[in-house]
Amino acid sequence: MIPTPPPAGKQPPVYQSQELFQGGKVVLIVHQGREYWLRITNAGKLILTA
């Protein structure tokens, strides 16, 4: 799925991964009551799982 761009003139918020992960490798995101885990892989990629 390709994300849709934001409306003209409005940029999405930007977060640095270092701020989100705070030195760790996993963060928990709760969206509409469901938990998602965002992980940094050994290759430095991000993976989101439910």
PDB file of N, CA and C in Angstrom:
ATOM      1  N   MET A   1       0.832  -1.168   0.000  1.00  0.00           N
ATOM      2  CA  MET A   1       0.000   0.000   0.000  1.00  0.00           C
ATOM      3  C   MET A   1       0.887   1.246   0.000  1.00  0.00           C
ATOM      4  N   ILE A   2       0.621   2.149  -0.890  1.00  0.00           N
ATOM      5  CA  ILE A   2       1.390   3.390  -0.999  1.00  0.00           C
ATOM      6  C   ILE A   2       0.681   4.464  -0.175  1.00  0.00           C
ATOM      7  N   PRO A   3       1.396   5.115   0.754  1.00  0.00           N
ATOM      8  CA  PRO A   3       0.748   6.150   1.565  1.00  0.00           C
ATOM      9  C   PRO A   3       0.351   7.336   0.706  1.00  0.00           C
ATOM     10  N   THR A   4      -0.770   7.949   1.061  1.00  0.00           N
ATOM     11  CA  THR A   4      -1.206   9.125   0.334  1.00  0.00           C
ATOM     12  C   THR A   4      -0.453  10.342   0.858  1.00  0.00           C
ATOM     13  N   PRO A   5      -0.092  11.255  -0.026  1.00  0.00           N
ATOM     14  CA  PRO A   5       0.630  12.447   0.431  1.00  0.00           C
ATOM     15  C   PRO A   5      -0.292  13.354   1.238  1.00  0.00           C
ATOM     16  N   PRO A   6       0.284  14.185   2.114  1.00  0.00           N
ATOM     17  CA  PRO A   6      -0.543  15.113   2.892  1.00  0.00           C
ATOM     18  C   PRO A   6      -1.150  16.164   1.965  1.00  0.00           C
ATOM     19  N   PRO A   7      -2.221  16.815   2.409  1.00  0.00           N
ATOM     20  CA  PRO A   7      -2.812  17.894   1.597  1.00  0.00           C
ATOM     21  C   PRO A   7      -1.774  18.966   1.298  1.00  0.00           C
ATOM     22  N   ALA A   8      -1.961  19.646   0.192  1.00  0.00           N
ATOM     23  CA  ALA A   8      -1.016  20.693  -0.227  1.00  0.00           C
ATOM     24  C   ALA A   8      -0.820  21.706   0.898  1.00  0.00           C
ATOM     25  N   GLY A   9       0.441  22.045   1.153  1.00  0.00           N
ATOM     26  CA  GLY A   9       0.770  23.045   2.158  1.00  0.00           C
ATOM     27  C   GLY A   9       0.810  22.517   3.582  1.00  0.00           C
ATOM     28  N   LYS A  10       0.482  21.253   3.792  1.00  0.00           N
ATOM     29  CA  LYS A  10       0.507  20.689   5.153  1.00  0.00           C
ATOM     30  C   LYS A  10       1.453  19.500   5.191  1.00  0.00           C
ATOM     31  N   GLN A  11       2.473  19.594   6.017  1.00  0.00           N
ATOM     32  CA  GLN A  11       3.450  18.521   6.161  1.00  0.00           C
ATOM     33  C   GLN A  11       3.105  17.671   7.381  1.00  0.00           C
ATOM     34  N   PRO A  12       3.353  16.367   7.307  1.00  0.00           N
ATOM     35  CA  PRO A  12       3.093  15.516   8.474  1.00  0.00           C
ATOM     36  C   PRO A  12       4.131  15.777   9.564  1.00  0.00           C
ATOM     37  N   PRO A  13       3.815  15.419  10.818  1.00  0.00           N
ATOM     38  CA  PRO A  13       4.825  15.567  11.867  1.00  0.00           C
ATOM     39  C   PRO A  13       6.032  14.692  11.569  1.00  0.00           C
ATOM     40  N   VAL A  14       7.202  15.131  12.008  1.00  0.00           N
ATOM     41  CA  VAL A  14       8.439  14.380  11.794  1.00  0.00           C
ATOM     42  C   VAL A  14       9.003  13.999  13.151  1.00  0.00           C
ATOM     43  N   TYR A  15       9.328  12.700  13.308  1.00  0.00           N
ATOM     44  CA  TYR A  15       9.907  12.193  14.545  1.00  0.00           C
ATOM     45  C   TYR A  15      11.219  11.504  14.211  1.00  0.00           C
ATOM     46  N   GLN A  16      12.241  11.768  14.974  1.00  0.00           N
ATOM     47  CA  GLN A  16      13.513  11.068  14.815  1.00  0.00           C
ATOM     48  C   GLN A  16      13.400   9.726  15.537  1.00  0.00           C
ATOM     49  N   SER A  17      13.869   8.664  14.899  1.00  0.00           N
ATOM     50  CA  SER A  17      13.751   7.341  15.511  1.00  0.00           C
ATOM     51  C   SER A  17      14.469   7.290  16.862  1.00  0.00           C
ATOM     52  N   GLN A  18      15.561   8.014  17.005  1.00  0.00           N
ATOM     53  CA  GLN A  18      16.289   8.022  18.281  1.00  0.00           C
ATOM     54  C   GLN A  18      15.392   8.536  19.408  1.00  0.00           C
ATOM     55  N   GLU A  19      14.534   9.513  19.095  1.00  0.00           N
ATOM     56  CA  GLU A  19      13.614  10.047  20.100  1.00  0.00           C
ATOM     57  C   GLU A  19      12.555   9.012  20.472  1.00  0.00           C
ATOM     58  N   LEU A  20      12.043   8.295  19.475  1.00  0.00           N
ATOM     59  CA  LEU A  20      11.003   7.305  19.733  1.00  0.00           C
ATOM     60  C   LEU A  20      11.536   6.110  20.514  1.00  0.00           C
ATOM     61  N   PHE A  21      12.679   5.595  20.106  1.00  0.00           N
ATOM     62  CA  PHE A  21      13.206   4.368  20.685  1.00  0.00           C
ATOM     63  C   PHE A  21      13.996   4.604  21.964  1.00  0.00           C
ATOM     64  N   GLN A  22      14.486   5.815  22.204  1.00  0.00           N
ATOM     65  CA  GLN A  22      15.202   6.184  23.435  1.00  0.00           C
ATOM     66  C   GLN A  22      16.262   5.154  23.809  1.00  0.00           C
ATOM     67  N   GLY A  23      17.062   4.737  22.820  1.00  0.00           N
ATOM     68  CA  GLY A  23      18.151   3.806  23.072  1.00  0.00           C
ATOM     69  C   GLY A  23      17.759   2.337  23.018  1.00  0.00           C
ATOM     70  N   GLY A  24      16.455   2.055  22.881  1.00  0.00           N
ATOM     71  CA  GLY A  24      15.995   0.667  22.808  1.00  0.00           C
ATOM     72  C   GLY A  24      15.823   0.217  21.368  1.00  0.00           C
ATOM     73  N   LYS A  25      15.217  -0.946  21.201  1.00  0.00           N
ATOM     74  CA  LYS A  25      15.000  -1.518  19.861  1.00  0.00           C
ATOM     75  C   LYS A  25      13.525  -1.742  19.554  1.00  0.00           C
ATOM     76  N   VAL A  26      12.632  -1.494  20.538  1.00  0.00           N
ATOM     77  CA  VAL A  26      11.207  -1.756  20.352  1.00  0.00           C
ATOM     78  C   VAL A  26      10.398  -0.641  21.002  1.00  0.00           C
ATOM     79  N   VAL A  27       9.322  -0.209  20.317  1.00  0.00           N
ATOM     80  CA  VAL A  27       8.353   0.708  20.922  1.00  0.00           C
ATOM     81  C   VAL A  27       6.960   0.135  20.699  1.00  0.00           C
ATOM     82  N   LEU A  28       6.070   0.422  21.616  1.00  0.00           N
ATOM     83  CA  LEU A  28       4.683  -0.006  21.526  1.00  0.00           C
ATOM     84  C   LEU A  28       3.841   1.186  21.102  1.00  0.00           C
ATOM     85  N   ILE A  29       3.041   0.990  20.055  1.00  0.00           N
ATOM     86  CA  ILE A  29       2.134   2.030  19.561  1.00  0.00           C
ATOM     87  C   ILE A  29       0.719   1.496  19.725  1.00  0.00           C
ATOM     88  N   VAL A  30      -0.161   2.264  20.373  1.00  0.00           N
ATOM     89  CA  VAL A  30      -1.555   1.867  20.511  1.00  0.00           C
ATOM     90  C   VAL A  30      -2.374   2.731  19.565  1.00  0.00           C
ATOM     91  N   HIS A  31      -3.105   2.071  18.660  1.00  0.00           N
ATOM     92  CA  HIS A  31      -3.924   2.763  17.667  1.00  0.00           C
ATOM     93  C   HIS A  31      -5.319   2.158  17.695  1.00  0.00           C
ATOM     94  N   GLN A  32      -6.301   2.988  18.022  1.00  0.00           N
ATOM     95  CA  GLN A  32      -7.700   2.543  18.104  1.00  0.00           C
ATOM     96  C   GLN A  32      -7.842   1.307  18.983  1.00  0.00           C
ATOM     97  N   GLY A  33      -7.132   1.307  20.111  1.00  0.00           N
ATOM     98  CA  GLY A  33      -7.228   0.230  21.073  1.00  0.00           C
ATOM     99  C   GLY A  33      -6.421  -1.020  20.738  1.00  0.00           C
ATOM    100  N   ARG A  34      -5.752  -1.021  19.601  1.00  0.00           N
ATOM    101  CA  ARG A  34      -4.955  -2.189  19.199  1.00  0.00           C
ATOM    102  C   ARG A  34      -3.477  -1.878  19.371  1.00  0.00           C
ATOM    103  N   GLU A  35      -2.707  -2.872  19.830  1.00  0.00           N
ATOM    104  CA  GLU A  35      -1.275  -2.675  20.064  1.00  0.00           C
ATOM    105  C   GLU A  35      -0.461  -3.072  18.839  1.00  0.00           C
ATOM    106  N   TYR A  36       0.499  -2.231  18.509  1.00  0.00           N
ATOM    107  CA  TYR A  36       1.435  -2.492  17.418  1.00  0.00           C
ATOM    108  C   TYR A  36       2.842  -2.332  17.961  1.00  0.00           C
ATOM    109  N   TRP A  37       3.747  -3.204  17.531  1.00  0.00           N
ATOM    110  CA  TRP A  37       5.135  -3.152  17.957  1.00  0.00           C
ATOM    111  C   TRP A  37       5.981  -2.683  16.783  1.00  0.00           C
ATOM    112  N   LEU A  38       6.746  -1.624  16.990  1.00  0.00           N
ATOM    113  CA  LEU A  38       7.672  -1.121  15.992  1.00  0.00           C
ATOM    114  C   LEU A  38       9.070  -1.506  16.448  1.00  0.00           C
ATOM    115  N   ARG A  39       9.765  -2.271  15.617  1.00  0.00           N
ATOM    116  CA  ARG A  39      11.076  -2.816  15.987  1.00  0.00           C
ATOM    117  C   ARG A  39      12.147  -2.371  15.005  1.00  0.00           C
ATOM    118  N   ILE A  40      13.366  -2.224  15.524  1.00  0.00           N
ATOM    119  CA  ILE A  40      14.539  -2.003  14.690  1.00  0.00           C
ATOM    120  C   ILE A  40      15.206  -3.365  14.510  1.00  0.00           C
ATOM    121  N   THR A  41      15.383  -3.785  13.266  1.00  0.00           N
ATOM    122  CA  THR A  41      16.015  -5.087  12.991  1.00  0.00           C
ATOM    123  C   THR A  41      17.536  -4.972  13.132  1.00  0.00           C
ATOM    124  N   ASN A  42      18.195  -6.110  13.095  1.00  0.00           N
ATOM    125  CA  ASN A  42      19.656  -6.112  13.136  1.00  0.00           C
ATOM    126  C   ASN A  42      20.257  -5.406  11.922  1.00  0.00           C
ATOM    127  N   ALA A  43      19.493  -5.369  10.813  1.00  0.00           N
ATOM    128  CA  ALA A  43      19.956  -4.685   9.599  1.00  0.00           C
ATOM    129  C   ALA A  43      19.632  -3.180   9.629  1.00  0.00           C
ATOM    130  N   GLY A  44      19.007  -2.706  10.734  1.00  0.00           N
ATOM    131  CA  GLY A  44      18.701  -1.291  10.867  1.00  0.00           C
ATOM    132  C   GLY A  44      17.406  -0.868  10.198  1.00  0.00           C
ATOM    133  N   LYS A  45      16.582  -1.818   9.788  1.00  0.00           N
ATOM    134  CA  LYS A  45      15.280  -1.520   9.169  1.00  0.00           C
ATOM    135  C   LYS A  45      14.207  -1.471  10.240  1.00  0.00           C
ATOM    136  N   LEU A  46      13.054  -0.886   9.905  1.00  0.00           N
ATOM    137  CA  LEU A  46      11.926  -0.844  10.828  1.00  0.00           C
ATOM    138  C   LEU A  46      10.855  -1.842  10.394  1.00  0.00           C
ATOM    139  N   ILE A  47      10.291  -2.565  11.373  1.00  0.00           N
ATOM    140  CA  ILE A  47       9.209  -3.506  11.104  1.00  0.00           C
ATOM    141  C   ILE A  47       8.083  -3.207  12.096  1.00  0.00           C
ATOM    142  N   LEU A  48       6.846  -3.070  11.588  1.00  0.00           N
ATOM    143  CA  LEU A  48       5.672  -2.846  12.411  1.00  0.00           C
ATOM    144  C   LEU A  48       4.830  -4.115  12.393  1.00  0.00           C
ATOM    145  N   THR A  49       4.515  -4.665  13.588  1.00  0.00           N
ATOM    146  CA  THR A  49       3.695  -5.866  13.680  1.00  0.00           C
ATOM    147  C   THR A  49       2.553  -5.632  14.659  1.00  0.00           C
ATOM    148  N   ALA A  50       1.454  -6.330  14.424  1.00  0.00           N
ATOM    149  CA  ALA A  50       0.287  -6.232  15.303  1.00  0.00           C
ATOM    150  C   ALA A  50       0.275  -7.390  16.268  1.00  0.00           C
TER     151      ALA A  50
END
